[in-house]
Amino acid sequence: MTIQRKWLLAAAAALTASVAFQAPAVADPGDGTDVEVTVEIEQIKEPGVLAMSIAADSVALSEDGSTLENRQFLGTLPTVTVTDTRTMEEVPSGAAWAVLGNASNFAGDSGQAPISAGHLGWKPHLIDGGETGLVAEGEEVVTVLDEPTQPGNNVGLVDQELLASTFESGAVAGGAYAVNADLFLRTPADVAAGSYASTLTLSLFE
């Protein structure tokens, strides 16, 4: 065998070995790679609301300041809070809100003649009007037994009377505002004795 032939056979063997060693590896069954999947879910934004709450559902009047002509019974309206969680953009343009109140006649528990709601008056007091100065208390309403303290205000709480209001809902949005009122019942001195009850209805309008 010639030297050239021996060299060719050796080169062919070396090439075969090289090709065999470069074969790709085969993955074992069941092998895998994990892929992490993420998502950011934002909290749903609820629209704001305009709402009213009252600190208590009853008040008892007590006699104080009666005279020979009239008897007087006093109390304090539980605090009324108007809360507006809306943004300025959620408030309709030009909107205004108001809390109004009116009372039913005082009915006796033993068949006494009723006492007209015209005998019940109030004087509102703004407890917390915020910093804008745009929330205001209503005017005093006196009873049918009183001389008017303002033109025509001696009517009692027969009709819708103003407790608190604003003329610019958008400007006061996002706040909470509190008001109460002095309540006074004035009757003739000869009013029948007994227990009486009236319902004072408060309503929030916008």
N, C-alpha and C. Protein backbone atom coordinates (compact mmCIF):
# COMPACT_ATOMS: atom_id res chain seq x y z
N MET A 1 0.87 -1.19 0.00
CA MET A 1 0.00 0.00 0.00
C MET A 1 0.90 1.23 0.00
N THR A 2 0.58 2.10 -0.88
CA THR A 2 1.43 3.28 -0.99
C THR A 2 1.17 4.21 0.18
N ILE A 3 2.13 5.09 0.39
CA ILE A 3 2.00 6.09 1.46
C ILE A 3 0.81 7.00 1.20
N GLN A 4 0.58 7.34 -0.08
CA GLN A 4 -0.55 8.24 -0.41
C GLN A 4 -1.87 7.59 -0.07
N ARG A 5 -2.02 6.26 -0.37
CA ARG A 5 -3.28 5.57 -0.09
C ARG A 5 -3.51 5.51 1.42
N LYS A 6 -2.46 5.20 2.21
CA LYS A 6 -2.59 5.16 3.67
C LYS A 6 -3.05 6.51 4.21
N TRP A 7 -2.52 7.57 3.67
CA TRP A 7 -2.90 8.91 4.15
C TRP A 7 -4.36 9.21 3.85
N LEU A 8 -4.88 8.82 2.68
CA LEU A 8 -6.28 9.03 2.31
C LEU A 8 -7.21 8.25 3.22
N LEU A 9 -6.85 6.98 3.53
CA LEU A 9 -7.69 6.17 4.42
C LEU A 9 -7.75 6.77 5.82
N ALA A 10 -6.63 7.26 6.30
CA ALA A 10 -6.59 7.88 7.63
C ALA A 10 -7.42 9.14 7.66
N ALA A 11 -7.36 9.94 6.61
CA ALA A 11 -8.15 11.18 6.55
C ALA A 11 -9.63 10.89 6.52
N ALA A 12 -10.05 9.82 5.75
CA ALA A 12 -11.46 9.45 5.67
C ALA A 12 -11.97 8.99 7.02
N ALA A 13 -11.17 8.22 7.76
CA ALA A 13 -11.57 7.77 9.10
C ALA A 13 -11.73 8.94 10.05
N ALA A 14 -10.81 9.88 9.96
CA ALA A 14 -10.87 11.07 10.82
C ALA A 14 -12.13 11.88 10.52
N LEU A 15 -12.48 12.02 9.23
CA LEU A 15 -13.67 12.79 8.83
C LEU A 15 -14.93 12.10 9.33
N THR A 16 -15.00 10.77 9.20
CA THR A 16 -16.16 10.02 9.70
C THR A 16 -16.33 10.21 11.19
N ALA A 17 -15.27 10.14 11.96
CA ALA A 17 -15.33 10.32 13.41
C ALA A 17 -15.82 11.72 13.75
N SER A 18 -15.30 12.70 12.98
CA SER A 18 -15.69 14.09 13.25
C SER A 18 -17.17 14.29 13.03
N VAL A 19 -17.73 13.75 11.94
CA VAL A 19 -19.16 13.90 11.65
C VAL A 19 -19.99 13.23 12.72
N ALA A 20 -19.57 12.07 13.21
CA ALA A 20 -20.32 11.35 14.23
C ALA A 20 -20.38 12.14 15.52
N PHE A 21 -19.31 12.78 15.92
CA PHE A 21 -19.28 13.52 17.18
C PHE A 21 -20.11 14.81 17.12
N GLN A 22 -20.44 15.35 15.92
CA GLN A 22 -21.17 16.60 15.80
C GLN A 22 -22.68 16.40 15.67
N ALA A 23 -23.23 15.20 15.83
CA ALA A 23 -24.67 14.96 15.75
C ALA A 23 -25.40 15.70 16.88
N PRO A 24 -26.58 16.34 16.60
CA PRO A 24 -27.30 17.11 17.64
C PRO A 24 -27.86 16.21 18.73
N ALA A 25 -27.90 16.76 19.99
CA ALA A 25 -28.46 16.01 21.11
C ALA A 25 -29.98 16.04 21.03
N VAL A 26 -30.67 14.99 21.45
CA VAL A 26 -32.13 14.87 21.43
C VAL A 26 -32.66 15.09 22.84
N ALA A 27 -33.67 16.05 23.01
CA ALA A 27 -34.23 16.33 24.33
C ALA A 27 -35.02 15.15 24.84
N ASP A 28 -35.01 14.96 26.17
CA ASP A 28 -35.79 13.89 26.77
C ASP A 28 -37.27 14.24 26.73
N PRO A 29 -38.14 13.25 26.54
CA PRO A 29 -39.58 13.51 26.56
C PRO A 29 -40.02 14.12 27.90
N GLY A 30 -40.93 15.09 27.83
CA GLY A 30 -41.43 15.73 29.04
C GLY A 30 -40.69 17.00 29.44
N ASP A 31 -39.54 17.27 28.84
CA ASP A 31 -38.82 18.51 29.14
C ASP A 31 -39.63 19.71 28.63
N GLY A 32 -39.58 20.84 29.31
CA GLY A 32 -40.31 22.03 28.87
C GLY A 32 -39.71 23.30 29.44
N THR A 33 -40.23 24.45 28.98
CA THR A 33 -39.77 25.76 29.44
C THR A 33 -40.98 26.58 29.88
N ASP A 34 -40.92 27.19 31.05
CA ASP A 34 -42.03 27.99 31.57
C ASP A 34 -42.05 29.38 30.96
N VAL A 35 -43.26 29.92 30.74
CA VAL A 35 -43.45 31.29 30.26
C VAL A 35 -44.35 32.01 31.27
N GLU A 36 -43.86 33.05 31.92
CA GLU A 36 -44.66 33.81 32.89
C GLU A 36 -45.58 34.78 32.15
N VAL A 37 -46.86 34.79 32.51
CA VAL A 37 -47.85 35.69 31.92
C VAL A 37 -48.34 36.65 33.01
N THR A 38 -48.24 37.96 32.79
CA THR A 38 -48.64 38.95 33.79
C THR A 38 -49.68 39.90 33.21
N VAL A 39 -50.46 40.51 34.10
CA VAL A 39 -51.44 41.51 33.71
C VAL A 39 -51.65 42.47 34.87
N GLU A 40 -51.83 43.73 34.58
CA GLU A 40 -52.11 44.76 35.60
C GLU A 40 -53.57 45.16 35.47
N ILE A 41 -54.39 44.86 36.49
CA ILE A 41 -55.82 45.17 36.47
C ILE A 41 -56.07 46.35 37.41
N GLU A 42 -56.54 47.46 36.85
CA GLU A 42 -56.80 48.65 37.65
C GLU A 42 -58.16 48.54 38.33
N GLN A 43 -58.26 49.16 39.50
CA GLN A 43 -59.52 49.18 40.22
C GLN A 43 -60.57 49.96 39.43
N ILE A 44 -61.79 49.43 39.40
CA ILE A 44 -62.87 50.13 38.69
C ILE A 44 -63.20 51.42 39.43
N LYS A 45 -63.27 52.51 38.71
CA LYS A 45 -63.57 53.80 39.30
C LYS A 45 -65.07 54.03 39.30
N GLU A 46 -65.66 54.05 40.51
CA GLU A 46 -67.09 54.30 40.62
C GLU A 46 -67.36 55.80 40.50
N PRO A 47 -68.43 56.18 39.83
CA PRO A 47 -68.77 57.60 39.76
C PRO A 47 -69.16 58.13 41.13
N GLY A 48 -68.89 59.39 41.39
CA GLY A 48 -69.26 60.00 42.66
C GLY A 48 -70.76 60.21 42.78
N VAL A 49 -71.21 60.46 44.00
CA VAL A 49 -72.63 60.66 44.25
C VAL A 49 -72.84 61.85 45.18
N LEU A 50 -74.03 62.42 45.10
CA LEU A 50 -74.48 63.46 46.02
C LEU A 50 -75.49 62.82 46.96
N ALA A 51 -75.24 62.88 48.27
CA ALA A 51 -76.10 62.17 49.22
C ALA A 51 -76.26 62.97 50.50
N MET A 52 -77.32 62.65 51.24
CA MET A 52 -77.61 63.32 52.50
C MET A 52 -77.76 62.27 53.61
N SER A 53 -77.25 62.58 54.79
CA SER A 53 -77.43 61.72 55.96
C SER A 53 -77.83 62.58 57.15
N ILE A 54 -78.53 61.95 58.11
CA ILE A 54 -79.01 62.65 59.30
C ILE A 54 -78.50 61.90 60.52
N ALA A 55 -78.00 62.63 61.51
CA ALA A 55 -77.34 62.01 62.65
C ALA A 55 -78.28 61.19 63.51
N ALA A 56 -79.57 61.50 63.54
CA ALA A 56 -80.54 60.75 64.33
C ALA A 56 -81.90 60.85 63.66
N ASP A 57 -82.80 59.93 64.02
CA ASP A 57 -84.11 59.92 63.37
C ASP A 57 -85.23 60.47 64.26
N SER A 58 -84.85 61.10 65.37
CA SER A 58 -85.88 61.68 66.24
C SER A 58 -85.28 62.79 67.09
N VAL A 59 -86.14 63.67 67.58
CA VAL A 59 -85.75 64.72 68.52
C VAL A 59 -86.95 65.02 69.40
N ALA A 60 -86.71 65.19 70.68
CA ALA A 60 -87.78 65.51 71.63
C ALA A 60 -87.67 66.99 72.01
N LEU A 61 -88.78 67.69 71.95
CA LEU A 61 -88.82 69.09 72.35
C LEU A 61 -89.17 69.19 73.82
N SER A 62 -88.56 70.15 74.49
CA SER A 62 -88.80 70.35 75.92
C SER A 62 -89.29 71.76 76.17
N GLU A 63 -90.18 71.92 77.13
CA GLU A 63 -90.75 73.25 77.39
C GLU A 63 -89.69 74.17 77.97
N ASP A 64 -89.62 75.37 77.40
CA ASP A 64 -88.63 76.36 77.82
C ASP A 64 -89.07 77.71 77.29
N GLY A 65 -89.23 78.70 78.17
CA GLY A 65 -89.55 80.05 77.73
C GLY A 65 -91.02 80.32 77.51
N SER A 66 -91.91 79.52 78.13
CA SER A 66 -93.34 79.77 77.97
C SER A 66 -93.74 81.06 78.67
N THR A 67 -94.83 81.65 78.19
CA THR A 67 -95.39 82.87 78.78
C THR A 67 -96.85 82.62 79.15
N LEU A 68 -97.50 83.63 79.69
CA LEU A 68 -98.92 83.50 80.02
C LEU A 68 -99.77 83.33 78.76
N GLU A 69 -99.32 83.87 77.65
CA GLU A 69 -100.09 83.79 76.41
C GLU A 69 -99.77 82.54 75.59
N ASN A 70 -98.49 82.16 75.56
CA ASN A 70 -98.05 81.06 74.68
C ASN A 70 -97.13 80.10 75.44
N ARG A 71 -97.17 78.87 75.01
CA ARG A 71 -96.22 77.89 75.52
C ARG A 71 -95.19 77.61 74.42
N GLN A 72 -93.96 77.40 74.88
CA GLN A 72 -92.86 77.21 73.92
C GLN A 72 -92.08 75.95 74.27
N PHE A 73 -91.73 75.18 73.23
CA PHE A 73 -91.00 73.92 73.38
C PHE A 73 -89.82 73.93 72.41
N LEU A 74 -88.62 73.66 72.92
CA LEU A 74 -87.40 73.83 72.14
C LEU A 74 -86.66 72.51 71.94
N GLY A 75 -85.87 72.45 70.88
CA GLY A 75 -85.01 71.30 70.60
C GLY A 75 -84.06 71.65 69.48
N THR A 76 -83.21 70.70 69.12
CA THR A 76 -82.22 70.91 68.05
C THR A 76 -82.36 69.81 67.01
N LEU A 77 -82.47 70.21 65.77
CA LEU A 77 -82.52 69.26 64.67
C LEU A 77 -81.20 68.49 64.63
N PRO A 78 -81.26 67.14 64.56
CA PRO A 78 -80.01 66.38 64.43
C PRO A 78 -79.21 66.85 63.20
N THR A 79 -77.90 66.79 63.31
CA THR A 79 -77.03 67.30 62.25
C THR A 79 -77.31 66.60 60.92
N VAL A 80 -77.48 67.42 59.92
CA VAL A 80 -77.70 66.95 58.55
C VAL A 80 -76.40 67.16 57.77
N THR A 81 -75.91 66.11 57.13
CA THR A 81 -74.66 66.20 56.37
C THR A 81 -74.93 65.90 54.90
N VAL A 82 -74.50 66.81 54.04
CA VAL A 82 -74.56 66.60 52.60
C VAL A 82 -73.15 66.27 52.13
N THR A 83 -73.00 65.09 51.53
CA THR A 83 -71.70 64.63 51.05
C THR A 83 -71.73 64.52 49.54
N ASP A 84 -70.74 65.12 48.90
CA ASP A 84 -70.65 65.09 47.44
C ASP A 84 -69.30 64.49 47.06
N THR A 85 -69.31 63.24 46.60
CA THR A 85 -68.06 62.57 46.23
C THR A 85 -67.75 62.69 44.74
N ARG A 86 -68.52 63.50 44.03
CA ARG A 86 -68.28 63.67 42.60
C ARG A 86 -67.08 64.58 42.35
N THR A 87 -66.49 64.45 41.18
CA THR A 87 -65.51 65.42 40.73
C THR A 87 -66.25 66.57 40.06
N MET A 88 -65.56 67.66 39.86
CA MET A 88 -66.18 68.82 39.21
C MET A 88 -66.68 68.45 37.82
N GLU A 89 -65.94 67.56 37.15
CA GLU A 89 -66.33 67.17 35.78
C GLU A 89 -67.61 66.33 35.77
N GLU A 90 -67.94 65.67 36.87
CA GLU A 90 -69.13 64.84 36.94
C GLU A 90 -70.40 65.63 37.23
N VAL A 91 -70.26 66.88 37.63
CA VAL A 91 -71.43 67.69 38.00
C VAL A 91 -71.95 68.41 36.76
N PRO A 92 -73.26 68.34 36.51
CA PRO A 92 -73.82 69.04 35.36
C PRO A 92 -73.56 70.54 35.44
N SER A 93 -73.32 71.15 34.31
CA SER A 93 -73.06 72.59 34.26
C SER A 93 -74.25 73.36 34.82
N GLY A 94 -73.96 74.32 35.69
CA GLY A 94 -75.01 75.17 36.24
C GLY A 94 -75.84 74.54 37.34
N ALA A 95 -75.44 73.36 37.83
CA ALA A 95 -76.23 72.65 38.84
C ALA A 95 -76.12 73.35 40.20
N ALA A 96 -77.18 73.22 40.99
CA ALA A 96 -77.23 73.73 42.36
C ALA A 96 -77.99 72.72 43.20
N TRP A 97 -77.66 72.61 44.51
CA TRP A 97 -78.41 71.70 45.37
C TRP A 97 -78.95 72.43 46.59
N ALA A 98 -80.00 71.85 47.18
CA ALA A 98 -80.62 72.45 48.35
C ALA A 98 -81.25 71.36 49.20
N VAL A 99 -81.22 71.56 50.52
CA VAL A 99 -81.93 70.70 51.46
C VAL A 99 -83.15 71.47 51.95
N LEU A 100 -84.32 70.90 51.74
CA LEU A 100 -85.58 71.54 52.13
C LEU A 100 -86.29 70.69 53.16
N GLY A 101 -87.10 71.34 54.00
CA GLY A 101 -87.82 70.60 55.03
C GLY A 101 -89.24 71.11 55.22
N ASN A 102 -90.12 70.20 55.56
CA ASN A 102 -91.49 70.57 55.94
C ASN A 102 -92.00 69.55 56.94
N ALA A 103 -92.97 69.94 57.74
CA ALA A 103 -93.46 69.09 58.83
C ALA A 103 -94.94 68.81 58.65
N SER A 104 -95.35 67.67 59.20
CA SER A 104 -96.77 67.35 59.26
C SER A 104 -97.36 67.96 60.53
N ASN A 105 -98.68 67.99 60.63
CA ASN A 105 -99.32 68.46 61.85
C ASN A 105 -98.95 67.54 63.02
N PHE A 106 -98.93 68.09 64.22
CA PHE A 106 -98.67 67.30 65.42
C PHE A 106 -99.97 66.59 65.82
N ALA A 107 -99.94 65.27 65.77
CA ALA A 107 -101.12 64.48 66.13
C ALA A 107 -101.02 64.04 67.58
N GLY A 108 -102.12 64.17 68.32
CA GLY A 108 -102.13 63.74 69.71
C GLY A 108 -102.35 62.25 69.83
N ASP A 109 -101.83 61.67 70.91
CA ASP A 109 -101.95 60.22 71.09
C ASP A 109 -103.24 59.83 71.81
N SER A 110 -104.01 60.82 72.26
CA SER A 110 -105.24 60.52 73.01
C SER A 110 -106.44 61.26 72.44
N GLY A 111 -106.40 61.52 71.16
CA GLY A 111 -107.53 62.18 70.52
C GLY A 111 -107.55 63.69 70.68
N GLN A 112 -106.46 64.29 71.14
CA GLN A 112 -106.42 65.75 71.23
C GLN A 112 -106.50 66.34 69.82
N ALA A 113 -106.97 67.56 69.75
CA ALA A 113 -106.97 68.25 68.46
C ALA A 113 -105.53 68.42 68.00
N PRO A 114 -105.27 68.21 66.73
CA PRO A 114 -103.89 68.34 66.23
C PRO A 114 -103.39 69.78 66.33
N ILE A 115 -102.08 69.88 66.40
CA ILE A 115 -101.43 71.20 66.38
C ILE A 115 -100.86 71.39 64.99
N SER A 116 -101.23 72.46 64.33
CA SER A 116 -100.79 72.71 62.97
C SER A 116 -99.27 72.84 62.89
N ALA A 117 -98.70 72.35 61.77
CA ALA A 117 -97.26 72.50 61.53
C ALA A 117 -96.85 73.96 61.44
N GLY A 118 -97.84 74.85 61.27
CA GLY A 118 -97.52 76.28 61.27
C GLY A 118 -97.02 76.77 62.62
N HIS A 119 -97.18 75.95 63.66
CA HIS A 119 -96.70 76.32 64.99
C HIS A 119 -95.26 75.89 65.23
N LEU A 120 -94.67 75.18 64.26
CA LEU A 120 -93.27 74.74 64.38
C LEU A 120 -92.39 75.59 63.47
N GLY A 121 -91.34 76.15 64.05
CA GLY A 121 -90.39 76.94 63.27
C GLY A 121 -88.98 76.45 63.47
N TRP A 122 -88.04 77.02 62.69
CA TRP A 122 -86.63 76.67 62.88
C TRP A 122 -85.72 77.83 62.53
N LYS A 123 -84.50 77.72 63.04
CA LYS A 123 -83.44 78.66 62.69
C LYS A 123 -82.21 77.84 62.34
N PRO A 124 -81.89 77.68 61.04
CA PRO A 124 -80.75 76.85 60.63
C PRO A 124 -79.41 77.44 61.05
N HIS A 125 -78.45 76.53 61.28
CA HIS A 125 -77.08 76.93 61.61
C HIS A 125 -76.12 76.07 60.79
N LEU A 126 -75.27 76.72 60.02
CA LEU A 126 -74.26 76.01 59.24
C LEU A 126 -73.12 75.61 60.16
N ILE A 127 -72.87 74.32 60.29
CA ILE A 127 -71.81 73.82 61.16
C ILE A 127 -70.49 73.76 60.41
N ASP A 128 -70.53 73.23 59.20
CA ASP A 128 -69.33 73.12 58.37
C ASP A 128 -69.72 73.39 56.93
N GLY A 129 -69.33 74.56 56.44
CA GLY A 129 -69.64 74.94 55.07
C GLY A 129 -68.47 74.84 54.12
N GLY A 130 -67.36 74.22 54.58
CA GLY A 130 -66.19 74.13 53.73
C GLY A 130 -65.47 75.46 53.64
N GLU A 131 -64.51 75.52 52.73
CA GLU A 131 -63.66 76.71 52.60
C GLU A 131 -64.06 77.62 51.44
N THR A 132 -65.01 77.20 50.64
CA THR A 132 -65.35 78.00 49.46
C THR A 132 -66.27 79.17 49.78
N GLY A 133 -67.03 79.06 50.87
CA GLY A 133 -68.01 80.10 51.18
C GLY A 133 -69.24 80.02 50.30
N LEU A 134 -69.40 78.92 49.56
CA LEU A 134 -70.50 78.81 48.61
C LEU A 134 -71.66 77.96 49.13
N VAL A 135 -71.52 77.40 50.34
CA VAL A 135 -72.63 76.69 50.98
C VAL A 135 -73.18 77.58 52.09
N ALA A 136 -74.50 77.74 52.10
CA ALA A 136 -75.12 78.67 53.06
C ALA A 136 -76.29 78.01 53.76
N GLU A 137 -76.57 78.46 54.97
CA GLU A 137 -77.75 78.02 55.72
C GLU A 137 -78.98 78.76 55.24
N GLY A 138 -80.13 78.19 55.50
CA GLY A 138 -81.39 78.85 55.16
C GLY A 138 -81.74 79.92 56.18
N GLU A 139 -82.76 80.70 55.86
CA GLU A 139 -83.21 81.76 56.76
C GLU A 139 -84.13 81.19 57.85
N GLU A 140 -84.25 81.93 58.93
CA GLU A 140 -85.15 81.55 60.00
C GLU A 140 -86.60 81.57 59.51
N VAL A 141 -87.36 80.59 59.95
CA VAL A 141 -88.80 80.56 59.69
C VAL A 141 -89.49 80.51 61.05
N VAL A 142 -90.28 81.55 61.37
CA VAL A 142 -90.96 81.60 62.66
C VAL A 142 -92.39 81.09 62.52
N THR A 143 -93.11 81.03 63.63
CA THR A 143 -94.41 80.38 63.64
C THR A 143 -95.54 81.37 63.37
N VAL A 144 -96.73 80.80 63.20
CA VAL A 144 -97.92 81.63 62.93
C VAL A 144 -98.29 82.48 64.13
N LEU A 145 -97.72 82.20 65.31
CA LEU A 145 -97.99 83.03 66.49
C LEU A 145 -97.01 84.18 66.63
N ASP A 146 -96.00 84.24 65.75
CA ASP A 146 -94.95 85.25 65.84
C ASP A 146 -95.18 86.38 64.84
N GLU A 147 -94.62 87.53 65.18
CA GLU A 147 -94.47 88.59 64.20
C GLU A 147 -93.34 88.19 63.26
N PRO A 148 -93.45 88.46 61.97
CA PRO A 148 -92.38 88.06 61.04
C PRO A 148 -91.07 88.75 61.38
N THR A 149 -89.98 88.00 61.33
CA THR A 149 -88.65 88.58 61.49
C THR A 149 -88.07 88.98 60.14
N GLN A 150 -88.67 88.45 59.08
CA GLN A 150 -88.40 88.86 57.71
C GLN A 150 -89.74 88.82 57.00
N PRO A 151 -89.89 89.54 55.92
CA PRO A 151 -91.20 89.59 55.27
C PRO A 151 -91.76 88.21 54.95
N GLY A 152 -92.93 87.92 55.52
CA GLY A 152 -93.64 86.69 55.20
C GLY A 152 -93.07 85.41 55.75
N ASN A 153 -92.16 85.47 56.75
CA ASN A 153 -91.55 84.22 57.24
C ASN A 153 -92.25 83.65 58.47
N ASN A 154 -93.41 84.19 58.85
CA ASN A 154 -94.14 83.64 60.01
C ASN A 154 -95.21 82.65 59.55
N VAL A 155 -94.74 81.58 58.91
CA VAL A 155 -95.66 80.59 58.34
C VAL A 155 -95.43 79.20 58.93
N GLY A 156 -94.34 79.02 59.69
CA GLY A 156 -94.02 77.69 60.19
C GLY A 156 -93.51 76.78 59.07
N LEU A 157 -93.29 75.53 59.44
CA LEU A 157 -92.71 74.58 58.48
C LEU A 157 -93.79 73.80 57.73
N VAL A 158 -94.75 74.53 57.19
CA VAL A 158 -95.86 73.91 56.46
C VAL A 158 -95.43 73.53 55.06
N ASP A 159 -94.67 74.39 54.43
CA ASP A 159 -94.24 74.16 53.05
C ASP A 159 -92.75 73.86 53.05
N GLN A 160 -92.18 73.64 51.86
CA GLN A 160 -90.75 73.36 51.75
C GLN A 160 -89.95 74.60 52.13
N GLU A 161 -89.22 74.50 53.23
CA GLU A 161 -88.39 75.61 53.70
C GLU A 161 -86.92 75.23 53.60
N LEU A 162 -86.07 76.22 53.34
CA LEU A 162 -84.66 75.97 53.04
C LEU A 162 -83.84 75.77 54.31
N LEU A 163 -83.13 74.63 54.36
CA LEU A 163 -82.21 74.37 55.47
C LEU A 163 -80.78 74.76 55.08
N ALA A 164 -80.34 74.37 53.90
CA ALA A 164 -79.00 74.71 53.42
C ALA A 164 -78.97 74.55 51.91
N SER A 165 -78.02 75.26 51.26
CA SER A 165 -77.97 75.19 49.80
C SER A 165 -76.64 75.72 49.27
N THR A 166 -76.41 75.45 47.99
CA THR A 166 -75.35 76.09 47.23
C THR A 166 -75.88 76.35 45.82
N PHE A 167 -75.40 77.41 45.23
CA PHE A 167 -75.78 77.73 43.85
C PHE A 167 -74.75 77.22 42.84
N GLU A 168 -73.66 76.61 43.34
CA GLU A 168 -72.61 76.13 42.44
C GLU A 168 -72.16 74.74 42.88
N SER A 169 -72.92 73.73 42.48
CA SER A 169 -72.59 72.35 42.88
C SER A 169 -71.19 71.95 42.45
N GLY A 170 -70.79 72.32 41.24
CA GLY A 170 -69.48 71.95 40.74
C GLY A 170 -68.35 72.49 41.59
N ALA A 171 -68.51 73.70 42.08
CA ALA A 171 -67.45 74.34 42.86
C ALA A 171 -67.28 73.73 44.24
N VAL A 172 -68.32 73.06 44.76
CA VAL A 172 -68.22 72.47 46.09
C VAL A 172 -68.18 70.94 46.03
N ALA A 173 -68.08 70.38 44.82
CA ALA A 173 -68.00 68.93 44.67
C ALA A 173 -66.77 68.39 45.38
N GLY A 174 -66.90 67.18 45.91
CA GLY A 174 -65.78 66.56 46.60
C GLY A 174 -65.71 66.88 48.08
N GLY A 175 -66.74 67.55 48.61
CA GLY A 175 -66.72 67.94 50.02
C GLY A 175 -67.90 67.38 50.80
N ALA A 176 -67.92 67.67 52.10
CA ALA A 176 -69.02 67.29 52.98
C ALA A 176 -69.40 68.51 53.81
N TYR A 177 -70.69 68.76 53.95
CA TYR A 177 -71.18 69.99 54.57
C TYR A 177 -72.26 69.65 55.59
N ALA A 178 -72.17 70.27 56.78
CA ALA A 178 -73.04 69.92 57.89
C ALA A 178 -73.84 71.13 58.35
N VAL A 179 -75.10 70.88 58.73
CA VAL A 179 -76.00 71.93 59.19
C VAL A 179 -76.97 71.33 60.20
N ASN A 180 -77.41 72.13 61.17
CA ASN A 180 -78.51 71.74 62.03
C ASN A 180 -79.45 72.94 62.16
N ALA A 181 -80.35 72.91 63.11
CA ALA A 181 -81.28 74.02 63.27
C ALA A 181 -81.87 74.00 64.67
N ASP A 182 -82.10 75.19 65.21
CA ASP A 182 -82.91 75.32 66.41
C ASP A 182 -84.36 75.07 66.02
N LEU A 183 -85.05 74.21 66.75
CA LEU A 183 -86.47 73.96 66.52
C LEU A 183 -87.27 74.57 67.65
N PHE A 184 -88.41 75.16 67.32
CA PHE A 184 -89.27 75.72 68.37
C PHE A 184 -90.74 75.54 67.99
N LEU A 185 -91.48 75.01 68.94
CA LEU A 185 -92.92 74.84 68.81
C LEU A 185 -93.58 75.84 69.74
N ARG A 186 -94.46 76.66 69.20
CA ARG A 186 -95.16 77.67 70.00
C ARG A 186 -96.67 77.47 69.84
N THR A 187 -97.33 77.32 70.96
CA THR A 187 -98.77 77.03 70.95
C THR A 187 -99.49 78.01 71.86
N PRO A 188 -100.81 78.12 71.73
CA PRO A 188 -101.57 78.89 72.72
C PRO A 188 -101.41 78.28 74.11
N ALA A 189 -101.60 79.10 75.12
CA ALA A 189 -101.42 78.62 76.50
C ALA A 189 -102.42 77.54 76.86
N ASP A 190 -103.58 77.51 76.20
CA ASP A 190 -104.61 76.54 76.55
C ASP A 190 -104.53 75.27 75.71
N VAL A 191 -103.41 74.98 75.10
CA VAL A 191 -103.27 73.76 74.31
C VAL A 191 -103.54 72.55 75.21
N ALA A 192 -104.22 71.54 74.67
CA ALA A 192 -104.54 70.35 75.45
C ALA A 192 -103.27 69.59 75.83
N ALA A 193 -103.23 69.11 77.06
CA ALA A 193 -102.08 68.32 77.52
C ALA A 193 -102.05 66.97 76.82
N GLY A 194 -100.89 66.37 76.74
CA GLY A 194 -100.75 65.05 76.14
C GLY A 194 -99.52 64.96 75.26
N SER A 195 -99.31 63.77 74.71
CA SER A 195 -98.17 63.56 73.82
C SER A 195 -98.59 63.83 72.38
N TYR A 196 -97.71 64.48 71.64
CA TYR A 196 -97.95 64.81 70.23
C TYR A 196 -96.73 64.37 69.41
N ALA A 197 -96.96 64.10 68.16
CA ALA A 197 -95.85 63.72 67.28
C ALA A 197 -96.08 64.29 65.88
N SER A 198 -95.01 64.74 65.28
CA SER A 198 -95.01 65.25 63.91
C SER A 198 -93.85 64.62 63.16
N THR A 199 -93.98 64.56 61.86
CA THR A 199 -92.87 64.07 61.02
C THR A 199 -92.27 65.23 60.26
N LEU A 200 -91.01 65.48 60.49
CA LEU A 200 -90.28 66.52 59.76
C LEU A 200 -89.52 65.84 58.62
N THR A 201 -89.91 66.14 57.40
CA THR A 201 -89.32 65.50 56.23
C THR A 201 -88.28 66.40 55.60
N LEU A 202 -87.06 65.87 55.46
CA LEU A 202 -85.96 66.61 54.83
C LEU A 202 -85.66 65.97 53.48
N SER A 203 -85.46 66.79 52.48
CA SER A 203 -85.23 66.30 51.13
C SER A 203 -84.06 67.06 50.50
N LEU A 204 -83.23 66.31 49.77
CA LEU A 204 -82.09 66.90 49.06
C LEU A 204 -82.45 66.93 47.57
N PHE A 205 -82.37 68.11 46.98
CA PHE A 205 -82.69 68.29 45.57
C PHE A 205 -81.48 68.90 44.85
N GLU A 206 -81.32 68.50 43.57
CA GLU A 206 -80.35 69.17 42.72
C GLU A 206 -80.99 69.38 41.36
